[in-house]
All heavy atoms as atom14 arrays in JSON, in Angstrom:
{
  "sequence": "EPSAHTFDDAQLQIYTLMHRDSYPRFLSSPAYRALLL",
  "atom14_mask": [
    [1, 1, 1, 1, 1, 1, 1, 1, 1, 0, 0, 0, 0, 0],
    [1, 1, 1, 1, 1, 1, 1, 0, 0, 0, 0, 0, 0, 0],
    [1, 1, 1, 1, 1, 1, 0, 0, 0, 0, 0, 0, 0, 0],
    [1, 1, 1, 1, 1, 0, 0, 0, 0, 0, 0, 0, 0, 0],
    [1, 1, 1, 1, 1, 1, 1, 1, 1, 1, 0, 0, 0, 0],
    [1, 1, 1, 1, 1, 1, 1, 0, 0, 0, 0, 0, 0, 0],
    [1, 1, 1, 1, 1, 1, 1, 1, 1, 1, 1, 0, 0, 0],
    [1, 1, 1, 1, 1, 1, 1, 1, 0, 0, 0, 0, 0, 0],
    [1, 1, 1, 1, 1, 1, 1, 1, 0, 0, 0, 0, 0, 0],
    [1, 1, 1, 1, 1, 0, 0, 0, 0, 0, 0, 0, 0, 0],
    [1, 1, 1, 1, 1, 1, 1, 1, 1, 0, 0, 0, 0, 0],
    [1, 1, 1, 1, 1, 1, 1, 1, 0, 0, 0, 0, 0, 0],
    [1, 1, 1, 1, 1, 1, 1, 1, 1, 0, 0, 0, 0, 0],
    [1, 1, 1, 1, 1, 1, 1, 1, 0, 0, 0, 0, 0, 0],
    [1, 1, 1, 1, 1, 1, 1, 1, 1, 1, 1, 1, 0, 0],
    [1, 1, 1, 1, 1, 1, 1, 0, 0, 0, 0, 0, 0, 0],
    [1, 1, 1, 1, 1, 1, 1, 1, 0, 0, 0, 0, 0, 0],
    [1, 1, 1, 1, 1, 1, 1, 1, 0, 0, 0, 0, 0, 0],
    [1, 1, 1, 1, 1, 1, 1, 1, 1, 1, 0, 0, 0, 0],
    [1, 1, 1, 1, 1, 1, 1, 1, 1, 1, 1, 0, 0, 0],
    [1, 1, 1, 1, 1, 1, 1, 1, 0, 0, 0, 0, 0, 0],
    [1, 1, 1, 1, 1, 1, 0, 0, 0, 0, 0, 0, 0, 0],
    [1, 1, 1, 1, 1, 1, 1, 1, 1, 1, 1, 1, 0, 0],
    [1, 1, 1, 1, 1, 1, 1, 0, 0, 0, 0, 0, 0, 0],
    [1, 1, 1, 1, 1, 1, 1, 1, 1, 1, 1, 0, 0, 0],
    [1, 1, 1, 1, 1, 1, 1, 1, 1, 1, 1, 0, 0, 0],
    [1, 1, 1, 1, 1, 1, 1, 1, 0, 0, 0, 0, 0, 0],
    [1, 1, 1, 1, 1, 1, 0, 0, 0, 0, 0, 0, 0, 0],
    [1, 1, 1, 1, 1, 1, 0, 0, 0, 0, 0, 0, 0, 0],
    [1, 1, 1, 1, 1, 1, 1, 0, 0, 0, 0, 0, 0, 0],
    [1, 1, 1, 1, 1, 0, 0, 0, 0, 0, 0, 0, 0, 0],
    [1, 1, 1, 1, 1, 1, 1, 1, 1, 1, 1, 1, 0, 0],
    [1, 1, 1, 1, 1, 1, 1, 1, 1, 1, 1, 0, 0, 0],
    [1, 1, 1, 1, 1, 0, 0, 0, 0, 0, 0, 0, 0, 0],
    [1, 1, 1, 1, 1, 1, 1, 1, 0, 0, 0, 0, 0, 0],
    [1, 1, 1, 1, 1, 1, 1, 1, 0, 0, 0, 0, 0, 0],
    [1, 1, 1, 1, 1, 1, 1, 1, 0, 0, 0, 0, 0, 0]
  ],
  "atom14_positions": [
    [[-9.35, -8.52, 24.51], [-8.02, -8.67, 25.11], [-7.0, -8.32, 24.03], [-6.45, -9.2, 23.37], [-7.81, -10.1, 25.62], [-8.73, -10.48, 26.79], [-8.45, -11.89, 27.28], [-7.49, -12.52, 26.76], [-9.17, -12.36, 28.17], [0.0, 0.0, 0.0], [0.0, 0.0, 0.0], [0.0, 0.0, 0.0], [0.0, 0.0, 0.0], [0.0, 0.0, 0.0]],
    [[-6.73, -7.03, 23.84], [-5.85, -6.62, 22.73], [-4.44, -7.17, 22.87], [-3.93, -7.38, 23.98], [-5.84, -5.09, 22.84], [-7.05, -4.74, 23.66], [-7.25, -5.89, 24.59], [0.0, 0.0, 0.0], [0.0, 0.0, 0.0], [0.0, 0.0, 0.0], [0.0, 0.0, 0.0], [0.0, 0.0, 0.0], [0.0, 0.0, 0.0], [0.0, 0.0, 0.0]],
    [[-3.83, -7.41, 21.73], [-2.44, -7.85, 21.69], [-1.73, -7.1, 20.57], [-2.35, -6.34, 19.82], [-2.35, -9.36, 21.45], [-2.7, -9.68, 20.11], [0.0, 0.0, 0.0], [0.0, 0.0, 0.0], [0.0, 0.0, 0.0], [0.0, 0.0, 0.0], [0.0, 0.0, 0.0], [0.0, 0.0, 0.0], [0.0, 0.0, 0.0], [0.0, 0.0, 0.0]],
    [[-0.44, -7.34, 20.44], [0.34, -6.67, 19.4], [-0.05, -7.14, 18.0], [0.29, -6.49, 17.01], [1.83, -6.91, 19.62], [0.0, 0.0, 0.0], [0.0, 0.0, 0.0], [0.0, 0.0, 0.0], [0.0, 0.0, 0.0], [0.0, 0.0, 0.0], [0.0, 0.0, 0.0], [0.0, 0.0, 0.0], [0.0, 0.0, 0.0], [0.0, 0.0, 0.0]],
    [[-0.8, -8.25, 17.91], [-1.19, -8.8, 16.61], [-2.71, -8.75, 16.39], [-3.24, -9.5, 15.58], [-0.69, -10.24, 16.49], [0.8, -10.37, 16.6], [1.66, -10.14, 15.53], [1.6, -10.69, 17.66], [2.91, -10.31, 15.92], [2.91, -10.65, 17.2], [0.0, 0.0, 0.0], [0.0, 0.0, 0.0], [0.0, 0.0, 0.0], [0.0, 0.0, 0.0]],
    [[-3.37, -7.86, 17.08], [-4.83, -7.74, 16.95], [-5.25, -7.38, 15.53], [-6.28, -7.85, 15.05], [-5.36, -6.69, 17.95], [-5.13, -7.14, 19.28], [-6.85, -6.45, 17.76], [0.0, 0.0, 0.0], [0.0, 0.0, 0.0], [0.0, 0.0, 0.0], [0.0, 0.0, 0.0], [0.0, 0.0, 0.0], [0.0, 0.0, 0.0], [0.0, 0.0, 0.0]],
    [[-4.44, -6.57, 14.85], [-4.84, -6.06, 13.54], [-4.08, -6.72, 12.38], [-4.04, -6.15, 11.28], [-4.62, -4.54, 13.49], [-5.36, -3.79, 14.55], [-4.73, -3.39, 15.72], [-6.71, -3.47, 14.39], [-5.42, -2.69, 16.69], [-7.4, -2.78, 15.36], [-6.76, -2.39, 16.51], [0.0, 0.0, 0.0], [0.0, 0.0, 0.0], [0.0, 0.0, 0.0]],
    [[-3.5, -7.88, 12.61], [-2.69, -8.51, 11.55], [-3.51, -8.78, 10.29], [-3.05, -8.49, 9.17], [-2.08, -9.81, 12.07], [-0.86, -9.56, 12.96], [-0.53, -8.38, 13.18], [-0.26, -10.54, 13.43], [0.0, 0.0, 0.0], [0.0, 0.0, 0.0], [0.0, 0.0, 0.0], [0.0, 0.0, 0.0], [0.0, 0.0, 0.0], [0.0, 0.0, 0.0]],
    [[-4.7, -9.32, 10.45], [-5.53, -9.62, 9.27], [-5.94, -8.34, 8.55], [-5.95, -8.29, 7.31], [-6.78, -10.4, 9.69], [-6.45, -11.81, 10.16], [-5.35, -12.3, 9.84], [-7.29, -12.42, 10.87], [0.0, 0.0, 0.0], [0.0, 0.0, 0.0], [0.0, 0.0, 0.0], [0.0, 0.0, 0.0], [0.0, 0.0, 0.0], [0.0, 0.0, 0.0]],
    [[-6.28, -7.34, 9.32], [-6.68, -6.06, 8.71], [-5.49, -5.4, 8.02], [-5.63, -4.83, 6.93], [-7.25, -5.12, 9.78], [0.0, 0.0, 0.0], [0.0, 0.0, 0.0], [0.0, 0.0, 0.0], [0.0, 0.0, 0.0], [0.0, 0.0, 0.0], [0.0, 0.0, 0.0], [0.0, 0.0, 0.0], [0.0, 0.0, 0.0], [0.0, 0.0, 0.0]],
    [[-4.31, -5.49, 8.62], [-3.13, -4.9, 8.0], [-2.81, -5.58, 6.67], [-2.47, -4.91, 5.68], [-1.93, -5.0, 8.95], [-0.69, -4.29, 8.43], [0.52, -4.53, 9.3], [0.6, -5.53, 10.02], [1.5, -3.62, 9.23], [0.0, 0.0, 0.0], [0.0, 0.0, 0.0], [0.0, 0.0, 0.0], [0.0, 0.0, 0.0], [0.0, 0.0, 0.0]],
    [[-2.93, -6.89, 6.64], [-2.69, -7.61, 5.39], [-3.71, -7.23, 4.32], [-3.36, -7.07, 3.14], [-2.74, -9.13, 5.66], [-2.57, -10.02, 4.42], [-1.23, -9.78, 3.75], [-2.73, -11.5, 4.81], [0.0, 0.0, 0.0], [0.0, 0.0, 0.0], [0.0, 0.0, 0.0], [0.0, 0.0, 0.0], [0.0, 0.0, 0.0], [0.0, 0.0, 0.0]],
    [[-4.96, -7.05, 4.73], [-5.99, -6.69, 3.76], [-5.73, -5.3, 3.18], [-5.89, -5.08, 1.97], [-7.37, -6.74, 4.42], [-8.53, -6.6, 3.44], [-9.86, -6.91, 4.11], [-10.54, -6.02, 4.59], [-10.23, -8.18, 4.13], [0.0, 0.0, 0.0], [0.0, 0.0, 0.0], [0.0, 0.0, 0.0], [0.0, 0.0, 0.0], [0.0, 0.0, 0.0]],
    [[-5.32, -4.35, 3.99], [-5.02, -3.0, 3.5], [-3.76, -3.01, 2.66], [-3.65, -2.3, 1.65], [-4.91, -2.02, 4.68], [-6.26, -1.89, 5.39], [-4.43, -0.66, 4.21], [-7.39, -1.43, 4.5], [0.0, 0.0, 0.0], [0.0, 0.0, 0.0], [0.0, 0.0, 0.0], [0.0, 0.0, 0.0], [0.0, 0.0, 0.0], [0.0, 0.0, 0.0]],
    [[-2.78, -3.82, 3.04], [-1.55, -3.95, 2.25], [-1.89, -4.48, 0.85], [-1.37, -3.96, -0.16], [-0.59, -4.89, 2.96], [0.77, -5.02, 2.33], [1.81, -4.17, 2.72], [1.04, -5.99, 1.37], [3.07, -4.28, 2.15], [2.3, -6.11, 0.79], [3.31, -5.25, 1.2], [4.56, -5.35, 0.63], [0.0, 0.0, 0.0], [0.0, 0.0, 0.0]],
    [[-2.74, -5.48, 0.79], [-3.15, -6.03, -0.51], [-3.93, -5.01, -1.33], [-3.75, -4.91, -2.55], [-4.0, -7.29, -0.29], [-3.28, -8.23, 0.51], [-4.38, -7.93, -1.62], [0.0, 0.0, 0.0], [0.0, 0.0, 0.0], [0.0, 0.0, 0.0], [0.0, 0.0, 0.0], [0.0, 0.0, 0.0], [0.0, 0.0, 0.0], [0.0, 0.0, 0.0]],
    [[-4.77, -4.23, -0.66], [-5.53, -3.19, -1.36], [-4.61, -2.14, -1.97], [-4.78, -1.75, -3.14], [-6.51, -2.54, -0.38], [-7.32, -1.35, -0.91], [-8.26, -1.78, -2.01], [-8.1, -0.68, 0.22], [0.0, 0.0, 0.0], [0.0, 0.0, 0.0], [0.0, 0.0, 0.0], [0.0, 0.0, 0.0], [0.0, 0.0, 0.0], [0.0, 0.0, 0.0]],
    [[-3.63, -1.69, -1.22], [-2.69, -0.71, -1.75], [-1.87, -1.3, -2.9], [-1.58, -0.61, -3.9], [-1.76, -0.2, -0.64], [-2.45, 0.63, 0.43], [-1.27, 1.43, 1.58], [-0.54, -0.01, 2.39], [0.0, 0.0, 0.0], [0.0, 0.0, 0.0], [0.0, 0.0, 0.0], [0.0, 0.0, 0.0], [0.0, 0.0, 0.0], [0.0, 0.0, 0.0]],
    [[-1.5, -2.57, -2.76], [-0.7, -3.23, -3.8], [-1.47, -3.32, -5.12], [-0.94, -2.99, -6.19], [-0.31, -4.62, -3.31], [0.58, -5.37, -4.25], [0.85, -6.72, -4.11], [1.25, -4.97, -5.37], [1.66, -7.11, -5.08], [1.91, -6.06, -5.86], [0.0, 0.0, 0.0], [0.0, 0.0, 0.0], [0.0, 0.0, 0.0], [0.0, 0.0, 0.0]],
    [[-2.72, -3.72, -5.04], [-3.5, -3.95, -6.26], [-4.11, -2.67, -6.83], [-4.28, -2.55, -8.05], [-4.62, -4.96, -5.97], [-4.12, -6.35, -5.63], [-5.29, -7.28, -5.32], [-4.82, -8.63, -5.03], [-5.63, -9.63, -4.67], [-6.94, -9.41, -4.54], [-5.14, -10.83, -4.42], [0.0, 0.0, 0.0], [0.0, 0.0, 0.0], [0.0, 0.0, 0.0]],
    [[-4.42, -1.73, -5.96], [-5.18, -0.56, -6.41], [-4.31, 0.68, -6.6], [-4.32, 1.31, -7.66], [-6.3, -0.27, -5.4], [-7.22, 0.84, -5.86], [-7.77, 0.73, -6.97], [-7.39, 1.81, -5.11], [0.0, 0.0, 0.0], [0.0, 0.0, 0.0], [0.0, 0.0, 0.0], [0.0, 0.0, 0.0], [0.0, 0.0, 0.0], [0.0, 0.0, 0.0]],
    [[-3.55, 1.04, -5.58], [-2.82, 2.31, -5.61], [-1.41, 2.19, -6.21], [-0.94, 3.14, -6.85], [-2.71, 2.88, -4.18], [-3.99, 3.04, -3.61], [0.0, 0.0, 0.0], [0.0, 0.0, 0.0], [0.0, 0.0, 0.0], [0.0, 0.0, 0.0], [0.0, 0.0, 0.0], [0.0, 0.0, 0.0], [0.0, 0.0, 0.0], [0.0, 0.0, 0.0]],
    [[-0.77, 1.07, -5.99], [0.62, 0.91, -6.45], [0.76, 1.07, -7.97], [1.67, 1.81, -8.42], [1.15, -0.44, -5.97], [2.54, -0.79, -6.46], [3.63, 0.01, -6.16], [2.76, -1.96, -7.21], [4.91, -0.34, -6.6], [4.02, -2.31, -7.65], [5.09, -1.48, -7.34], [6.36, -1.81, -7.79], [0.0, 0.0, 0.0], [0.0, 0.0, 0.0]],
    [[-0.06, 0.44, -8.8], [0.09, 0.64, -10.26], [-0.09, 2.1, -10.67], [0.63, 2.59, -11.56], [-1.02, -0.24, -10.85], [-1.29, -1.27, -9.81], [-1.1, -0.56, -8.51], [0.0, 0.0, 0.0], [0.0, 0.0, 0.0], [0.0, 0.0, 0.0], [0.0, 0.0, 0.0], [0.0, 0.0, 0.0], [0.0, 0.0, 0.0], [0.0, 0.0, 0.0]],
    [[-1.01, 2.81, -10.03], [-1.19, 4.23, -10.36], [-0.01, 5.07, -9.91], [0.33, 6.08, -10.54], [-2.49, 4.75, -9.75], [-3.76, 4.15, -10.37], [-4.99, 5.01, -10.06], [-5.24, 5.1, -8.63], [-5.96, 4.22, -7.94], [-6.5, 3.18, -8.57], [-6.17, 4.37, -6.65], [0.0, 0.0, 0.0], [0.0, 0.0, 0.0], [0.0, 0.0, 0.0]],
    [[0.59, 4.67, -8.8], [1.77, 5.4, -8.33], [2.92, 5.29, -9.35], [3.61, 6.29, -9.63], [2.22, 4.86, -6.97], [3.56, 5.34, -6.53], [3.76, 6.65, -6.11], [4.67, 4.48, -6.54], [5.01, 7.1, -5.71], [5.92, 4.92, -6.14], [6.08, 6.24, -5.72], [0.0, 0.0, 0.0], [0.0, 0.0, 0.0], [0.0, 0.0, 0.0]],
    [[3.13, 4.11, -9.93], [4.23, 3.91, -10.87], [4.05, 4.72, -12.15], [5.03, 5.08, -12.8], [4.38, 2.42, -11.21], [4.8, 1.5, -10.05], [4.89, 0.06, -10.53], [6.11, 1.96, -9.42], [0.0, 0.0, 0.0], [0.0, 0.0, 0.0], [0.0, 0.0, 0.0], [0.0, 0.0, 0.0], [0.0, 0.0, 0.0], [0.0, 0.0, 0.0]],
    [[2.78, 5.0, -12.49], [2.51, 5.8, -13.7], [2.21, 7.26, -13.38], [1.83, 8.01, -14.29], [1.33, 5.2, -14.47], [0.16, 5.17, -13.66], [0.0, 0.0, 0.0], [0.0, 0.0, 0.0], [0.0, 0.0, 0.0], [0.0, 0.0, 0.0], [0.0, 0.0, 0.0], [0.0, 0.0, 0.0], [0.0, 0.0, 0.0], [0.0, 0.0, 0.0]],
    [[2.41, 7.67, -12.13], [2.09, 9.04, -11.73], [3.2, 10.0, -12.09], [4.38, 9.61, -12.21], [1.83, 9.09, -10.22], [3.05, 8.85, -9.51], [0.0, 0.0, 0.0], [0.0, 0.0, 0.0], [0.0, 0.0, 0.0], [0.0, 0.0, 0.0], [0.0, 0.0, 0.0], [0.0, 0.0, 0.0], [0.0, 0.0, 0.0], [0.0, 0.0, 0.0]],
    [[2.89, 11.29, -12.28], [3.93, 12.3, -12.52], [4.94, 12.38, -11.38], [6.12, 12.68, -11.62], [3.13, 13.59, -12.65], [1.76, 13.17, -13.05], [1.53, 11.86, -12.37], [0.0, 0.0, 0.0], [0.0, 0.0, 0.0], [0.0, 0.0, 0.0], [0.0, 0.0, 0.0], [0.0, 0.0, 0.0], [0.0, 0.0, 0.0], [0.0, 0.0, 0.0]],
    [[4.5, 12.1, -10.15], [5.41, 12.19, -9.01], [6.53, 11.15, -9.13], [7.71, 11.46, -8.9], [4.64, 12.0, -7.71], [0.0, 0.0, 0.0], [0.0, 0.0, 0.0], [0.0, 0.0, 0.0], [0.0, 0.0, 0.0], [0.0, 0.0, 0.0], [0.0, 0.0, 0.0], [0.0, 0.0, 0.0], [0.0, 0.0, 0.0], [0.0, 0.0, 0.0]],
    [[6.17, 9.92, -9.47], [7.2, 8.88, -9.6], [8.09, 9.13, -10.82], [9.31, 8.95, -10.76], [6.56, 7.5, -9.69], [7.55, 6.38, -9.79], [8.43, 6.11, -8.74], [7.65, 5.59, -10.94], [9.37, 5.09, -8.83], [8.58, 4.56, -11.03], [9.43, 4.32, -9.97], [10.37, 3.31, -10.04], [0.0, 0.0, 0.0], [0.0, 0.0, 0.0]],
    [[7.51, 9.58, -11.92], [8.31, 9.89, -13.11], [9.29, 11.03, -12.82], [10.42, 11.03, -13.3], [7.4, 10.25, -14.28], [6.62, 9.05, -14.83], [6.12, 9.34, -16.23], [5.24, 10.51, -16.26], [3.91, 10.43, -16.16], [3.33, 9.24, -15.99], [3.19, 11.53, -16.22], [0.0, 0.0, 0.0], [0.0, 0.0, 0.0], [0.0, 0.0, 0.0]],
    [[8.86, 11.98, -12.0], [9.76, 13.08, -11.64], [10.93, 12.56, -10.82], [12.08, 13.04, -10.98], [8.99, 14.13, -10.87], [0.0, 0.0, 0.0], [0.0, 0.0, 0.0], [0.0, 0.0, 0.0], [0.0, 0.0, 0.0], [0.0, 0.0, 0.0], [0.0, 0.0, 0.0], [0.0, 0.0, 0.0], [0.0, 0.0, 0.0], [0.0, 0.0, 0.0]],
    [[10.68, 11.59, -9.94], [11.78, 11.02, -9.16], [12.75, 10.26, -10.06], [13.98, 10.29, -9.85], [11.21, 10.08, -8.09], [10.49, 10.75, -6.91], [9.85, 9.69, -6.01], [11.45, 11.61, -6.1], [0.0, 0.0, 0.0], [0.0, 0.0, 0.0], [0.0, 0.0, 0.0], [0.0, 0.0, 0.0], [0.0, 0.0, 0.0], [0.0, 0.0, 0.0]],
    [[12.22, 9.57, -11.07], [13.09, 8.87, -12.01], [13.96, 9.85, -12.81], [15.17, 9.63, -12.99], [12.25, 8.01, -12.97], [11.59, 6.76, -12.37], [10.68, 6.12, -13.41], [12.63, 5.78, -11.86], [0.0, 0.0, 0.0], [0.0, 0.0, 0.0], [0.0, 0.0, 0.0], [0.0, 0.0, 0.0], [0.0, 0.0, 0.0], [0.0, 0.0, 0.0]],
    [[13.33, 10.93, -13.27], [14.08, 11.94, -14.02], [15.13, 12.61, -13.15], [16.24, 12.91, -13.6], [13.13, 12.98, -14.59], [12.19, 12.5, -15.7], [11.2, 13.6, -16.09], [12.98, 12.03, -16.92], [0.0, 0.0, 0.0], [0.0, 0.0, 0.0], [0.0, 0.0, 0.0], [0.0, 0.0, 0.0], [0.0, 0.0, 0.0], [0.0, 0.0, 0.0]]
  ]
}
């Protein structure tokens, strides 16, 4: 019985994964440094 909150737990888990894994690499990436410059 799907609802608008069916994937809330999964969304939080992926949000945490991006925060811990991808976000630090993004801040040290050439793409982000180019935006700062």
